[in-house]
Structures are given as structure tokens and as C-alpha cells.
């Protein structure tokens, strides 16, 4: 696989893409948050062996603990490459009201990822302080992927210094010019970076949906910000992706 593809998309939602097609030069990791979504992702896994990785998680925007048995069974059967996305979302008052349930399913998923030694994919909005409360538990995991990493360079460094095997994934927030994201890409080790589209989400103003092929736009922005050769970036991000999900 390392020689068949050039781009790695660390976070995508295949089940939510209206007309999803895997770009021929890309490997992806797709999240699912219901059994119906997972069936669509698993079909893509079977159609593209070695090029589609599957994750399943209880999303903080729908912290439904009744999904836990599904997640546990998928982990037990080794049908997922990671747990998630899981985490915290305090972006709106509606989400803030569900914080007790978010905490419940977060702790369940942390323990499951530890038990089965699976990476954890983290969704976090307005809640980095909550993540730091669990660095001891995160240290016990093989890896932690911060999808659309929302924090600062200082917070990323603190996670690494505390022993969390953290990877930081970036998408179109780089194109939008988000300062914290740009600083992280400029300064974090290449070995800690990932790229994503979050397709069909993370749109630009002129877009109704993000197509999977936009991973090339994200890579173009990474190359400009990091001032690194494109081939070097592609190789390192693909190595990072493979070490995480295979």
C-alpha cells in the first residue's frame, strides 16, 4: 500500500458522502457512529482492501450509551482500526447540557480502547481542559489522534511531554487561515502530523460539501506552511497513517 498511494486522509465520513468514490491515489480512515453507517463503511473496506480503515465511536454530539455494545463487539471482532470519534463538544448550549452523558461515554470508550489496545480518535470543541483531565488514561493507549486539532501549539507540546502518543490532524482550517493550526503545522514534528478532509464536512464558503479529492488541497496548504518538499511530506504522512491504522 505504501507504494500504491500518495495521499492519506486521516478522517472522513464515507456514510455521509452523497456520492462517495475513493480517489485512486488515496488511503482513508472513515468514522461511523451507528450500525447503519458502519455497514456502509465496512462495505467500502471490503471493496478497497488495505485502502479504507474503519473506526466506530459514540460521538459527543449524540452521547448515546446504548451504542456501546455495538462498539465493544466490533472491537472484539477486530473489525475496527480505532475507537472514535469520541470526546467532548461544548460548542453550543445544547451540547453543554449533555456534558454528563458525554463524560459517561468518553470514559467507556477510553477503557475500551485501553482493553483492546486501539488508537483513539478524539473530537474536541471548546473542551481541551476536559481532555487534559484524562492524560493518565490517554498515556495508556497505543496512540491518540486529535481530529481537526482545535488546540494551541503549547497544548500539543504539553500532551506530548505528558507521555501521550498524540497525532494532530489538520484540514481546511489551514486554508481558512486559523492561526493556532498554522503554528502547529509550522512547529510540530512531521512525525506527529496528519491530513484530513472530514468529507463531506469542513467546507469552504463556496462549498455545499467537501469532496474526498480535496485532500490534495489540504496537502498543498501543508507544503506551503511547512516549507517542505511535497514528496517528503507525502511519505511522512503516509508513514504516520500506516503506523496508526495498520
Protein backbone atom coordinates (compact mmCIF):
# COMPACT_ATOMS: atom_id res chain seq x y z
CA UNK A 1 0.00 0.00 0.00
CA UNK A 2 2.83 2.42 0.77
CA UNK A 3 3.79 2.49 -2.90
CA UNK A 4 0.29 2.40 -4.44
CA UNK A 5 -0.95 5.69 -2.97
CA UNK A 6 0.35 9.19 -2.38
CA UNK A 7 -2.22 10.80 -0.08
CA UNK A 8 -3.61 9.75 3.29
CA UNK A 9 -6.87 11.16 4.62
CA UNK A 10 -6.97 10.51 8.35
CA UNK A 11 -10.61 11.46 8.86
CA UNK A 12 -13.60 11.12 6.56
CA UNK A 13 -17.28 10.12 6.83
CA UNK A 14 -17.99 7.75 3.96
CA UNK A 15 -21.58 7.12 5.03
CA UNK A 16 -22.39 10.85 4.88
CA UNK A 17 -20.92 11.47 1.42
CA UNK A 18 -23.72 11.56 -1.17
CA UNK A 19 -21.65 10.05 -3.96
CA UNK A 20 -18.53 8.71 -2.35
CA UNK A 21 -15.69 7.48 -4.55
CA UNK A 22 -12.26 6.61 -3.21
CA UNK A 23 -9.65 8.68 -5.06
CA UNK A 24 -7.28 6.23 -6.79
CA UNK A 25 -4.17 7.68 -5.12
CA UNK A 26 -5.55 7.98 -1.57
CA UNK A 27 -5.96 5.86 1.55
CA UNK A 28 -8.60 6.91 4.09
CA UNK A 29 -9.81 6.33 7.62
CA UNK A 30 -13.59 6.61 7.95
CA UNK A 31 -15.61 7.08 11.12
CA UNK A 32 -19.05 5.63 11.78
CA UNK A 33 -21.44 6.40 14.64
CA UNK A 34 -24.29 3.96 14.07
CA UNK A 35 -24.64 0.39 12.92
CA UNK A 36 -26.14 1.57 9.63
CA UNK A 37 -23.20 3.88 9.00
CA UNK A 38 -20.71 1.18 9.88
CA UNK A 39 -22.23 -1.24 7.36
CA UNK A 40 -21.57 1.31 4.60
CA UNK A 41 -18.01 1.86 5.80
CA UNK A 42 -17.34 -1.86 6.05
CA UNK A 43 -18.60 -2.34 2.50
CA UNK A 44 -16.00 0.20 1.39
CA UNK A 45 -13.36 -1.67 3.40
CA UNK A 46 -14.21 -4.86 1.52
CA UNK A 47 -14.27 -3.11 -1.86
CA UNK A 48 -10.89 -1.45 -1.30
CA UNK A 49 -8.71 -3.86 0.72
CA UNK A 50 -5.93 -2.09 2.55
CA UNK A 51 -7.06 1.38 1.49
CA UNK A 52 -10.06 2.06 3.74
CA UNK A 53 -9.70 1.86 7.52
CA UNK A 54 -12.76 1.81 9.75
CA UNK A 55 -13.45 3.35 13.13
CA UNK A 56 -16.57 3.35 15.28
CA UNK A 57 -17.31 5.69 18.15
CA UNK A 58 -20.00 7.28 20.26
CA UNK A 59 -19.90 10.90 19.14
CA UNK A 60 -20.18 13.60 21.82
CA UNK A 61 -22.93 15.30 19.83
CA UNK A 62 -25.00 12.14 20.31
CA UNK A 63 -23.71 10.60 23.56
CA UNK A 64 -25.91 7.52 23.39
CA UNK A 65 -24.56 4.84 25.73
CA UNK A 66 -26.80 2.20 24.13
CA UNK A 67 -24.34 2.17 21.21
CA UNK A 68 -21.60 0.81 23.46
CA UNK A 69 -22.39 -2.92 22.92
CA UNK A 70 -22.01 -2.39 19.15
CA UNK A 71 -18.66 -0.71 19.65
CA UNK A 72 -17.43 -3.40 22.01
CA UNK A 73 -18.42 -6.19 19.63
CA UNK A 74 -16.67 -4.52 16.69
CA UNK A 75 -13.53 -4.09 18.76
CA UNK A 76 -13.67 -7.69 19.97
CA UNK A 77 -14.04 -8.95 16.40
CA UNK A 78 -11.17 -6.70 15.22
CA UNK A 79 -13.39 -5.03 12.63
CA UNK A 80 -12.21 -1.51 13.50
CA UNK A 81 -8.75 0.04 13.45
CA UNK A 82 -9.53 2.67 16.09
CA UNK A 83 -12.19 3.85 18.55
CA UNK A 84 -13.84 7.13 17.71
CA UNK A 85 -14.52 9.68 17.11
CA UNK A 86 -15.07 10.21 20.81
CA UNK A 87 -14.58 13.21 23.03
CA UNK A 88 -16.28 16.43 24.06
CA UNK A 89 -18.32 19.08 22.28
CA UNK A 90 -19.28 22.17 24.27
CA UNK A 91 -19.72 24.43 21.26
CA UNK A 92 -23.40 25.21 21.91
CA UNK A 93 -25.61 25.42 24.97
CA UNK A 94 -27.47 22.36 23.67
CA UNK A 95 -24.28 20.30 23.68
CA UNK A 96 -23.18 21.73 27.03
CA UNK A 97 -26.38 20.37 28.58
CA UNK A 98 -25.33 16.82 27.67
CA UNK A 99 -21.90 17.03 29.35
CA UNK A 100 -22.70 14.33 31.98
CA UNK A 101 -23.61 11.90 29.18
CA UNK A 102 -20.56 12.95 27.18
CA UNK A 103 -18.38 12.15 30.18
CA UNK A 104 -20.03 8.76 30.62
CA UNK A 105 -19.47 7.59 27.04
CA UNK A 106 -15.99 9.14 26.94
CA UNK A 107 -14.90 7.05 29.93
CA UNK A 108 -16.45 3.91 28.45
CA UNK A 109 -14.56 4.42 25.19
CA UNK A 110 -11.27 5.24 26.92
CA UNK A 111 -11.44 1.95 28.79
CA UNK A 112 -12.43 0.00 25.69
CA UNK A 113 -9.53 1.47 23.69
CA UNK A 114 -7.17 0.52 26.53
CA UNK A 115 -8.59 -3.00 26.80
CA UNK A 116 -8.23 -3.74 23.08
CA UNK A 117 -5.15 -1.53 22.61
CA UNK A 118 -6.72 0.51 19.85
CA UNK A 119 -5.93 4.11 18.92
CA UNK A 120 -8.49 6.71 19.97
CA UNK A 121 -9.77 9.37 17.55
CA UNK A 122 -10.72 12.49 19.51
CA UNK A 123 -13.34 15.09 18.63
CA UNK A 124 -12.97 18.17 20.81
CA UNK A 125 -14.63 21.57 20.59
CA UNK A 126 -14.30 24.16 23.36
CA UNK A 127 -13.16 21.43 25.75
CA UNK A 128 -9.38 20.96 25.73
CA UNK A 129 -9.42 21.36 29.50
CA UNK A 130 -11.56 18.21 29.72
CA UNK A 131 -9.05 16.26 27.62
CA UNK A 132 -6.20 17.27 29.93
CA UNK A 133 -8.09 15.77 32.86
CA UNK A 134 -7.52 12.34 31.28
CA UNK A 135 -3.87 12.42 30.20
CA UNK A 136 -3.07 9.49 32.50
CA UNK A 137 -5.66 7.34 30.71
CA UNK A 138 -4.60 8.62 27.28
CA UNK A 139 -0.99 7.62 28.03
CA UNK A 140 -2.13 4.02 28.33
CA UNK A 141 -3.34 3.94 24.71
CA UNK A 142 -1.19 2.99 21.71
CA UNK A 143 -1.99 6.36 20.07
CA UNK A 144 -4.40 9.30 20.23
CA UNK A 145 -5.45 11.12 17.05
CA UNK A 146 -6.79 14.64 17.51
CA UNK A 147 -9.16 15.08 14.57
CA UNK A 148 -9.23 18.70 13.33
CA UNK A 149 -6.98 19.54 16.26
CA UNK A 150 -8.53 22.58 17.97
CA UNK A 151 -5.84 23.39 20.50
CA UNK A 152 -2.72 25.52 20.61
CA UNK A 153 0.91 24.62 19.94
CA UNK A 154 1.58 24.87 23.67
CA UNK A 155 -1.23 22.42 24.46
CA UNK A 156 0.05 20.00 21.82
CA UNK A 157 3.52 20.16 23.35
CA UNK A 158 2.08 19.58 26.81
CA UNK A 159 0.26 16.45 25.65
CA UNK A 160 3.48 15.05 24.19
CA UNK A 161 5.52 15.97 27.27
CA UNK A 162 2.98 14.17 29.46
CA UNK A 163 3.64 10.98 27.52
CA UNK A 164 0.55 10.87 25.28
CA UNK A 165 1.42 9.32 21.90
CA UNK A 166 -0.51 12.08 20.16
CA UNK A 167 -1.02 12.80 16.48
CA UNK A 168 -2.55 16.06 15.27
CA UNK A 169 -4.73 16.10 12.16
CA UNK A 170 -5.48 19.22 10.11
CA UNK A 171 -7.79 20.02 7.23
CA UNK A 172 -9.35 23.09 5.69
CA UNK A 173 -8.88 25.20 8.81
CA UNK A 174 -5.39 25.71 7.34
CA UNK A 175 -6.91 27.14 4.14
CA UNK A 176 -9.17 29.38 6.24
CA UNK A 177 -6.05 30.73 7.96
CA UNK A 178 -6.65 29.54 11.54
CA UNK A 179 -3.59 30.82 13.39
CA UNK A 180 -3.27 28.06 16.00
CA UNK A 181 -3.45 25.37 13.33
CA UNK A 182 -0.83 27.09 11.19
CA UNK A 183 1.51 27.44 14.17
CA UNK A 184 1.15 23.74 14.96
CA UNK A 185 1.93 22.72 11.37
CA UNK A 186 4.94 25.04 11.33
CA UNK A 187 6.44 23.74 14.57
CA UNK A 188 5.31 20.22 15.47
CA UNK A 189 7.48 17.30 14.30
CA UNK A 190 6.37 15.95 10.92
CA UNK A 191 6.11 12.57 12.63
CA UNK A 192 3.13 13.97 14.60
CA UNK A 193 1.10 15.39 11.71
CA UNK A 194 -1.83 14.00 9.72
CA UNK A 195 -4.05 15.46 7.00
CA UNK A 196 -7.82 15.13 6.63
CA UNK A 197 -10.82 16.35 4.67
CA UNK A 198 -13.55 15.41 7.18
CA UNK A 199 -15.60 14.97 3.99
CA UNK A 200 -18.37 15.91 3.46
CA UNK A 201 -17.83 18.43 6.28
CA UNK A 202 -15.18 21.15 6.78
CA UNK A 203 -16.39 23.10 3.77
CA UNK A 204 -15.13 26.40 2.46
CA UNK A 205 -17.59 29.23 1.91
CA UNK A 206 -18.31 28.36 -1.70
CA UNK A 207 -18.86 24.65 -1.00
CA UNK A 208 -22.03 22.79 -0.10
CA UNK A 209 -19.97 19.68 0.74
CA UNK A 210 -16.33 18.69 0.80
CA UNK A 211 -15.39 16.01 -1.77
CA UNK A 212 -12.78 13.39 -0.81
CA UNK A 213 -10.48 14.64 -3.56
CA UNK A 214 -9.95 17.87 -1.62
CA UNK A 215 -7.25 16.08 0.37
CA UNK A 216 -4.90 17.37 -2.35
CA UNK A 217 -5.83 20.96 -1.45
CA UNK A 218 -5.03 20.25 2.19
CA UNK A 219 -1.67 18.76 1.24
CA UNK A 220 -0.92 21.82 -0.90
CA UNK A 221 -1.53 24.06 2.11
CA UNK A 222 0.62 21.85 4.35
CA UNK A 223 3.51 22.06 1.89
CA UNK A 224 3.27 25.86 1.78
CA UNK A 225 3.03 26.31 5.54
CA UNK A 226 5.70 23.80 6.45
CA UNK A 227 8.03 24.79 3.59
CA UNK A 228 8.89 21.13 3.00
CA UNK A 229 9.19 19.12 -0.20
CA UNK A 230 5.93 17.60 -1.38
CA UNK A 231 7.41 14.12 -1.74
CA UNK A 232 8.86 14.26 1.77
CA UNK A 233 5.53 15.36 3.21
CA UNK A 234 3.59 12.66 1.36
CA UNK A 235 5.94 9.93 2.53
CA UNK A 236 5.95 11.05 6.17
CA UNK A 237 2.19 11.47 6.44
CA UNK A 238 1.63 8.10 4.80
CA UNK A 239 4.08 6.52 7.23
CA UNK A 240 2.23 8.18 10.12
CA UNK A 241 -1.11 6.93 8.82
CA UNK A 242 0.12 3.37 8.35
CA UNK A 243 1.74 3.20 11.77
CA UNK A 244 -1.54 4.25 13.35
CA UNK A 245 -4.18 2.29 11.50
CA UNK A 246 -2.38 -0.88 10.40
